[in-house]
């Protein structure tokens, strides 16, 4: 710590010897406007894959003139790891903004009283279904839950059409999902419990288990297992599937239950929140404004993750199907959040291994 004019004035005010005052000042430094309160700094936690979010965050931070301090989740505990960290830090928050790659845990954080409202300049551009009426969270850049199929193992005439095909006996042991307790796979499960009711949803997951479903550490691992031929097909997200498709792997994407008389394809947005007690609120608002923008959605849509623009004003066309081109599952994310505790308890028992 520098012993400058500000420090000398502090010593005089306290009436202490410089050595003692310096020790006290060092302890109090974060609370009196030192480095921890530097409004040129923003702490961002992100559960979107680092390879996709890190370049965007670094460019935006440079553009608005702030120092970025990011923290990223790992694939095996996607979203949940950072959510648990936020909850653990709630007495003294360290995070300003949380860029969540899904919505379920965002709603849970709101219900725990850990968020504060904010109003980015493009708030009105977000669809009503993908933003909180109290201004606590905003959705942007969505992905679809899809089936990725190995075209060498599954002829076009035999491709699955819906998520029920994961339980078809002819594919026993050749299908896969990510751990259903984390990330978008957890959100998907909670949405099914909310839409179908507990009995039907439990029967569905039990049928997957009986059919030898391989439970892998994450959605990316499902996509690579299909592209390598380890699996015939699996349930994953469009960003992970597009990575394999763009790499030239022998895969195809199936949008499950996409017809009007079917369940529908589930679309899940990224969400952005500001934590209650954020240590750098003013700088965080600047960065939040930059993140929640059509320009960022265009970049994510055109980039390797092929995210789906949700904000009005985005210009880049989606590289994947969208809620405007296929029948979307009419998901009730609030009801899914209501169902999460009992969903998680059931899935933890069923897939304990």
Protein backbone atom coordinates (compact mmCIF):
# COMPACT_ATOMS: atom_id res chain seq x y z
CA UNK A 1 0.00 0.00 0.00
CA UNK A 2 1.36 3.48 -0.82
CA UNK A 3 2.14 5.87 2.01
CA UNK A 4 0.85 8.98 0.21
CA UNK A 5 -0.85 12.25 1.19
CA UNK A 6 -4.16 10.50 1.71
CA UNK A 7 -2.55 8.06 4.11
CA UNK A 8 -0.77 10.86 6.02
CA UNK A 9 -4.07 12.71 6.49
CA UNK A 10 -5.58 9.47 7.84
CA UNK A 11 -2.72 9.23 10.37
CA UNK A 12 -3.27 12.81 11.54
CA UNK A 13 -7.02 12.31 11.90
CA UNK A 14 -6.54 9.19 14.01
CA UNK A 15 -3.76 10.76 16.06
CA UNK A 16 -1.77 7.53 15.77
CA UNK A 17 1.85 6.82 14.95
CA UNK A 18 2.29 6.22 11.25
CA UNK A 19 3.18 2.53 11.67
CA UNK A 20 0.03 1.81 13.69
CA UNK A 21 -2.21 3.91 11.48
CA UNK A 22 -0.88 2.19 8.39
CA UNK A 23 -1.80 -1.19 9.80
CA UNK A 24 -5.33 0.00 10.61
CA UNK A 25 -5.64 1.71 7.26
CA UNK A 26 -4.55 -1.45 5.46
CA UNK A 27 -7.25 -3.43 7.22
CA UNK A 28 -9.93 -0.82 6.46
CA UNK A 29 -8.73 -0.08 2.93
CA UNK A 30 -11.57 -1.92 1.12
CA UNK A 31 -14.19 -0.14 3.22
CA UNK A 32 -12.85 3.39 2.68
CA UNK A 33 -12.61 3.39 -1.08
CA UNK A 34 -9.49 1.41 -1.83
CA UNK A 35 -8.94 -1.26 -4.44
CA UNK A 36 -11.93 -3.44 -3.48
CA UNK A 37 -14.24 -0.45 -4.05
CA UNK A 38 -12.53 0.81 -7.18
CA UNK A 39 -15.44 1.72 -9.45
CA UNK A 40 -13.22 1.09 -12.43
CA UNK A 41 -13.42 -2.63 -11.63
CA UNK A 42 -16.26 -5.11 -12.24
CA UNK A 43 -16.35 -8.68 -10.94
CA UNK A 44 -18.28 -10.94 -13.31
CA UNK A 45 -19.15 -14.58 -12.71
CA UNK A 46 -20.05 -16.42 -15.91
CA UNK A 47 -21.40 -19.93 -16.44
CA UNK A 48 -21.46 -19.59 -20.22
CA UNK A 49 -18.53 -21.59 -21.63
CA UNK A 50 -15.38 -19.55 -21.10
CA UNK A 51 -14.37 -19.92 -24.73
CA UNK A 52 -17.54 -18.04 -25.71
CA UNK A 53 -17.95 -15.49 -22.92
CA UNK A 54 -14.36 -14.51 -22.13
CA UNK A 55 -13.54 -12.78 -25.46
CA UNK A 56 -16.83 -10.87 -25.33
CA UNK A 57 -16.35 -9.72 -21.74
CA UNK A 58 -12.75 -8.63 -22.30
CA UNK A 59 -13.64 -6.58 -25.38
CA UNK A 60 -16.62 -4.96 -23.66
CA UNK A 61 -14.61 -4.13 -20.54
CA UNK A 62 -11.96 -2.48 -22.67
CA UNK A 63 -14.63 -0.58 -24.59
CA UNK A 64 -16.24 0.92 -21.49
CA UNK A 65 -12.91 1.48 -19.75
CA UNK A 66 -13.17 -0.81 -16.76
CA UNK A 67 -10.97 -3.54 -15.31
CA UNK A 68 -12.58 -6.96 -15.62
CA UNK A 69 -12.24 -9.57 -12.89
CA UNK A 70 -13.99 -12.67 -14.25
CA UNK A 71 -14.68 -16.04 -12.70
CA UNK A 72 -15.88 -18.96 -14.82
CA UNK A 73 -17.69 -22.18 -14.03
CA UNK A 74 -16.44 -25.62 -15.03
CA UNK A 75 -18.43 -27.95 -17.27
CA UNK A 76 -19.02 -30.61 -14.63
CA UNK A 77 -20.77 -28.21 -12.21
CA UNK A 78 -22.14 -25.82 -14.80
CA UNK A 79 -24.02 -22.91 -13.22
CA UNK A 80 -24.55 -24.62 -9.86
CA UNK A 81 -20.95 -24.06 -8.74
CA UNK A 82 -21.17 -20.31 -9.20
CA UNK A 83 -24.68 -20.14 -7.78
CA UNK A 84 -23.49 -21.86 -4.62
CA UNK A 85 -20.56 -19.44 -4.46
CA UNK A 86 -22.92 -16.46 -4.76
CA UNK A 87 -25.11 -17.85 -1.97
CA UNK A 88 -22.08 -18.47 0.24
CA UNK A 89 -20.81 -14.93 -0.35
CA UNK A 90 -24.20 -13.27 0.18
CA UNK A 91 -23.26 -11.74 3.55
CA UNK A 92 -20.39 -9.91 1.84
CA UNK A 93 -20.86 -10.12 -1.94
CA UNK A 94 -17.79 -10.20 -4.14
CA UNK A 95 -19.61 -10.52 -7.46
CA UNK A 96 -21.19 -7.59 -9.30
CA UNK A 97 -22.72 -9.28 -12.35
CA UNK A 98 -23.65 -12.91 -12.95
CA UNK A 99 -23.90 -14.00 -16.59
CA UNK A 100 -25.84 -17.23 -16.22
CA UNK A 101 -26.11 -19.61 -19.16
CA UNK A 102 -29.65 -20.56 -18.13
CA UNK A 103 -32.62 -19.17 -16.22
CA UNK A 104 -33.73 -21.58 -13.49
CA UNK A 105 -31.00 -20.68 -11.01
CA UNK A 106 -31.41 -17.01 -11.80
CA UNK A 107 -35.01 -17.22 -10.60
CA UNK A 108 -33.86 -19.12 -7.52
CA UNK A 109 -31.36 -16.34 -6.70
CA UNK A 110 -34.12 -13.77 -6.99
CA UNK A 111 -36.33 -15.76 -4.64
CA UNK A 112 -33.50 -15.87 -2.11
CA UNK A 113 -33.38 -12.06 -2.18
CA UNK A 114 -29.84 -11.93 -3.57
CA UNK A 115 -30.49 -9.72 -6.62
CA UNK A 116 -31.11 -6.02 -7.09
CA UNK A 117 -33.06 -4.34 -9.88
CA UNK A 118 -31.27 -2.57 -12.70
CA UNK A 119 -32.50 -1.02 -15.91
CA UNK A 120 -30.15 -1.35 -18.89
CA UNK A 121 -30.72 0.89 -21.88
CA UNK A 122 -31.99 -2.02 -24.02
CA UNK A 123 -34.37 -3.38 -21.38
CA UNK A 124 -37.38 -2.67 -23.59
CA UNK A 125 -35.82 -4.71 -26.40
CA UNK A 126 -36.06 -7.94 -24.40
CA UNK A 127 -39.25 -10.01 -24.89
CA UNK A 128 -41.57 -10.00 -21.89
CA UNK A 129 -41.21 -13.77 -21.54
CA UNK A 130 -37.45 -13.40 -21.14
CA UNK A 131 -37.18 -10.63 -18.55
CA UNK A 132 -38.19 -10.18 -14.95
CA UNK A 133 -41.14 -7.81 -14.37
CA UNK A 134 -39.27 -6.37 -11.37
CA UNK A 135 -36.13 -5.68 -13.40
CA UNK A 136 -34.07 -8.25 -11.49
CA UNK A 137 -32.91 -10.23 -14.53
CA UNK A 138 -32.87 -10.03 -18.32
CA UNK A 139 -32.68 -12.83 -20.87
CA UNK A 140 -30.65 -12.68 -24.06
CA UNK A 141 -28.91 -14.94 -26.56
CA UNK A 142 -30.84 -18.19 -26.32
CA UNK A 143 -30.05 -21.80 -27.17
CA UNK A 144 -32.24 -24.76 -28.01
CA UNK A 145 -32.25 -28.16 -26.34
CA UNK A 146 -31.74 -30.55 -29.22
CA UNK A 147 -30.81 -34.09 -30.19
CA UNK A 148 -27.42 -34.48 -31.84
CA UNK A 149 -27.30 -37.54 -34.09
CA UNK A 150 -24.37 -39.46 -35.56
CA UNK A 151 -25.26 -39.71 -39.25
CA UNK A 152 -23.03 -42.77 -39.78
CA UNK A 153 -24.81 -44.74 -37.06
CA UNK A 154 -28.35 -43.48 -37.59
CA UNK A 155 -29.74 -43.33 -41.14
CA UNK A 156 -31.93 -40.34 -41.94
CA UNK A 157 -35.03 -42.53 -42.14
CA UNK A 158 -34.44 -43.74 -38.58
CA UNK A 159 -33.57 -40.48 -36.87
CA UNK A 160 -35.28 -39.64 -33.58
CA UNK A 161 -38.06 -37.10 -33.67
CA UNK A 162 -38.55 -36.32 -29.99
CA UNK A 163 -37.04 -36.71 -26.55
CA UNK A 164 -39.16 -39.84 -25.99
CA UNK A 165 -36.95 -41.62 -28.55
CA UNK A 166 -34.14 -41.62 -25.99
CA UNK A 167 -36.12 -44.40 -24.30
CA UNK A 168 -36.62 -46.49 -27.48
CA UNK A 169 -35.31 -50.05 -26.86
CA UNK A 170 -33.48 -50.23 -30.20
CA UNK A 171 -31.11 -47.52 -28.98
CA UNK A 172 -30.44 -49.11 -25.60
CA UNK A 173 -27.02 -48.16 -24.26
CA UNK A 174 -26.32 -45.92 -27.26
CA UNK A 175 -27.89 -42.70 -26.05
CA UNK A 176 -26.66 -40.03 -23.65
CA UNK A 177 -27.49 -36.98 -21.58
CA UNK A 178 -25.50 -34.63 -19.37
CA UNK A 179 -25.81 -34.81 -15.59
CA UNK A 180 -29.39 -33.67 -15.03
CA UNK A 181 -28.54 -31.76 -11.85
CA UNK A 182 -26.56 -29.01 -13.56
CA UNK A 183 -26.92 -26.31 -16.20
CA UNK A 184 -29.45 -26.44 -19.00
CA UNK A 185 -30.02 -30.17 -18.49
CA UNK A 186 -31.32 -29.38 -15.00
CA UNK A 187 -33.47 -26.56 -16.35
CA UNK A 188 -34.88 -28.93 -18.96
CA UNK A 189 -35.73 -31.51 -16.30
CA UNK A 190 -37.50 -28.95 -14.12
CA UNK A 191 -39.48 -27.71 -17.13
CA UNK A 192 -40.62 -31.28 -17.85
CA UNK A 193 -41.69 -31.79 -14.24
CA UNK A 194 -43.65 -28.53 -14.42
CA UNK A 195 -45.24 -29.33 -17.80
CA UNK A 196 -45.96 -33.04 -17.35
CA UNK A 197 -46.44 -33.37 -13.62
CA UNK A 198 -44.25 -35.41 -11.32
CA UNK A 199 -45.55 -38.87 -12.17
CA UNK A 200 -45.04 -38.61 -15.93
CA UNK A 201 -41.69 -36.86 -15.59
CA UNK A 202 -40.39 -39.46 -13.13
CA UNK A 203 -41.52 -42.27 -15.41
CA UNK A 204 -39.71 -40.62 -18.32
CA UNK A 205 -36.37 -40.39 -16.53
CA UNK A 206 -36.75 -43.90 -15.16
CA UNK A 207 -37.29 -45.12 -18.73
CA UNK A 208 -34.05 -43.42 -19.79
CA UNK A 209 -32.19 -45.14 -16.99
CA UNK A 210 -33.72 -48.50 -17.91
CA UNK A 211 -32.64 -47.91 -21.50
CA UNK A 212 -29.00 -47.62 -20.50
CA UNK A 213 -28.63 -43.88 -20.96
CA UNK A 214 -25.03 -42.77 -20.53
CA UNK A 215 -24.84 -39.82 -18.15
CA UNK A 216 -21.83 -37.69 -19.05
CA UNK A 217 -20.26 -34.75 -17.25
CA UNK A 218 -21.67 -32.05 -19.51
CA UNK A 219 -23.45 -31.16 -22.74
CA UNK A 220 -20.17 -30.74 -24.60
CA UNK A 221 -19.18 -34.28 -23.64
CA UNK A 222 -22.50 -35.56 -25.00
CA UNK A 223 -21.86 -33.80 -28.31
CA UNK A 224 -18.33 -35.15 -28.66
CA UNK A 225 -19.42 -38.67 -27.68
CA UNK A 226 -21.95 -38.62 -30.51
CA UNK A 227 -19.53 -37.18 -33.05
CA UNK A 228 -16.92 -39.84 -32.17
CA UNK A 229 -19.42 -42.67 -32.53
CA UNK A 230 -19.47 -43.59 -28.84
CA UNK A 231 -23.18 -42.73 -28.88
CA UNK A 232 -25.79 -42.88 -31.62
CA UNK A 233 -27.48 -39.72 -30.41
CA UNK A 234 -27.87 -37.62 -27.30
CA UNK A 235 -29.55 -34.63 -25.73
CA UNK A 236 -27.51 -31.42 -25.67
CA UNK A 237 -27.58 -27.70 -26.53
CA UNK A 238 -27.28 -26.08 -29.94
CA UNK A 239 -23.97 -24.39 -29.12
CA UNK A 240 -22.24 -27.70 -28.37
CA UNK A 241 -23.83 -29.40 -31.36
CA UNK A 242 -22.83 -26.56 -33.69
CA UNK A 243 -19.25 -26.89 -32.52
CA UNK A 244 -19.18 -30.48 -33.78
CA UNK A 245 -21.08 -29.63 -36.96
CA UNK A 246 -18.75 -26.73 -37.81
CA UNK A 247 -15.75 -29.01 -37.20
CA UNK A 248 -16.99 -31.33 -39.94
CA UNK A 249 -18.09 -34.18 -37.68
CA UNK A 250 -20.67 -36.65 -39.08
CA UNK A 251 -23.55 -35.24 -37.06
CA UNK A 252 -26.96 -33.70 -37.61
CA UNK A 253 -29.22 -31.67 -35.35
CA UNK A 254 -32.79 -32.73 -34.64
CA UNK A 255 -35.13 -30.21 -33.01
CA UNK A 256 -37.24 -32.53 -30.88
CA UNK A 257 -41.02 -32.41 -30.70
CA UNK A 258 -41.03 -29.46 -33.07
CA UNK A 259 -44.48 -29.93 -34.60
CA UNK A 260 -47.49 -27.92 -33.46
CA UNK A 261 -49.22 -30.92 -31.88
CA UNK A 262 -46.10 -31.98 -29.93
CA UNK A 263 -44.43 -30.84 -26.72
CA UNK A 264 -42.19 -28.37 -28.53
CA UNK A 265 -38.45 -27.65 -28.55
CA UNK A 266 -37.24 -26.00 -25.36
CA UNK A 267 -35.41 -22.68 -25.80
CA UNK A 268 -33.38 -21.38 -22.85
CA UNK A 269 -31.92 -17.86 -22.64
CA UNK A 270 -28.75 -16.64 -21.06
CA UNK A 271 -29.60 -14.29 -18.20
CA UNK A 272 -27.80 -11.33 -16.64
CA UNK A 273 -28.26 -10.17 -13.05
CA UNK A 274 -26.75 -7.66 -10.65
CA UNK A 275 -26.12 -8.93 -7.14
CA UNK A 276 -27.59 -7.14 -4.15
CA UNK A 277 -24.71 -5.40 -2.42
CA UNK A 278 -22.56 -5.50 -5.57
CA UNK A 279 -19.24 -3.87 -4.60
CA UNK A 280 -18.96 -1.86 -7.84
CA UNK A 281 -22.55 -0.97 -8.83
CA UNK A 282 -21.90 2.02 -11.07
CA UNK A 283 -19.20 0.34 -13.13
CA UNK A 284 -21.33 -2.82 -13.22
CA UNK A 285 -24.21 -0.87 -14.75
CA UNK A 286 -21.93 0.31 -17.54
CA UNK A 287 -20.81 -3.22 -18.33
CA UNK A 288 -24.37 -4.58 -18.05
CA UNK A 289 -25.49 -2.01 -20.62
CA UNK A 290 -22.80 -3.25 -22.98
CA UNK A 291 -23.61 -6.94 -22.47
CA UNK A 292 -27.37 -6.57 -22.93
CA UNK A 293 -27.19 -5.15 -26.42
CA UNK A 294 -28.11 -6.19 -29.96
CA UNK A 295 -24.43 -5.85 -30.90
CA UNK A 296 -23.42 -8.56 -28.42
CA UNK A 297 -26.27 -10.80 -29.56
CA UNK A 298 -25.09 -10.34 -33.16
CA UNK A 299 -21.58 -11.36 -32.14
CA UNK A 300 -22.81 -14.43 -30.25
CA UNK A 301 -25.12 -15.41 -33.12
CA UNK A 302 -22.34 -15.13 -35.69
CA UNK A 303 -19.73 -16.79 -33.49
CA UNK A 304 -18.97 -20.44 -32.80
CA UNK A 305 -21.70 -20.80 -30.15
CA UNK A 306 -24.41 -19.80 -32.67
CA UNK A 307 -26.63 -18.26 -30.01
CA UNK A 308 -30.14 -17.12 -30.90
CA UNK A 309 -30.78 -13.35 -30.81
CA UNK A 310 -33.71 -12.44 -28.57
CA UNK A 311 -33.44 -8.64 -28.40
CA UNK A 312 -35.19 -6.35 -30.84
CA UNK A 313 -32.60 -4.66 -32.99
CA UNK A 314 -30.27 -7.63 -33.44
CA UNK A 315 -29.35 -7.86 -37.11
CA UNK A 316 -27.49 -11.12 -37.56
CA UNK A 317 -29.70 -14.04 -38.59
CA UNK A 318 -29.62 -17.06 -36.33
CA UNK A 319 -27.57 -20.00 -37.61
CA UNK A 320 -29.94 -22.42 -35.90
CA UNK A 321 -33.69 -22.81 -35.63
CA UNK A 322 -35.50 -20.31 -33.41
CA UNK A 323 -38.89 -20.04 -31.67
CA UNK A 324 -40.06 -18.35 -34.86
CA UNK A 325 -39.17 -21.32 -37.08
CA UNK A 326 -40.12 -24.36 -34.97
CA UNK A 327 -42.79 -25.01 -32.38
CA UNK A 328 -41.30 -23.89 -29.07
CA UNK A 329 -42.16 -25.58 -25.81
CA UNK A 330 -44.35 -23.13 -23.86
CA UNK A 331 -42.12 -23.33 -20.82
CA UNK A 332 -43.21 -21.85 -17.51
CA UNK A 333 -39.87 -21.07 -15.90
CA UNK A 334 -41.46 -19.87 -12.67
CA UNK A 335 -43.29 -23.20 -12.34
CA UNK A 336 -40.02 -24.96 -13.16
CA UNK A 337 -38.34 -23.12 -10.30
CA UNK A 338 -41.21 -24.18 -8.03
CA UNK A 339 -40.59 -27.79 -9.08
CA UNK A 340 -36.83 -27.72 -8.78
CA UNK A 341 -36.30 -28.98 -5.22
CA UNK A 342 -38.39 -32.11 -5.71
CA UNK A 343 -37.00 -32.56 -9.24
CA UNK A 344 -33.44 -32.41 -7.95
CA UNK A 345 -34.16 -34.80 -5.08
CA UNK A 346 -35.61 -37.37 -7.46
CA UNK A 347 -32.84 -37.05 -10.05
CA UNK A 348 -30.14 -37.27 -7.38
CA UNK A 349 -31.59 -40.57 -6.24
CA UNK A 350 -32.11 -41.99 -9.73
CA UNK A 351 -28.72 -40.99 -11.11
CA UNK A 352 -26.65 -41.29 -7.94
CA UNK A 353 -24.03 -43.36 -9.74
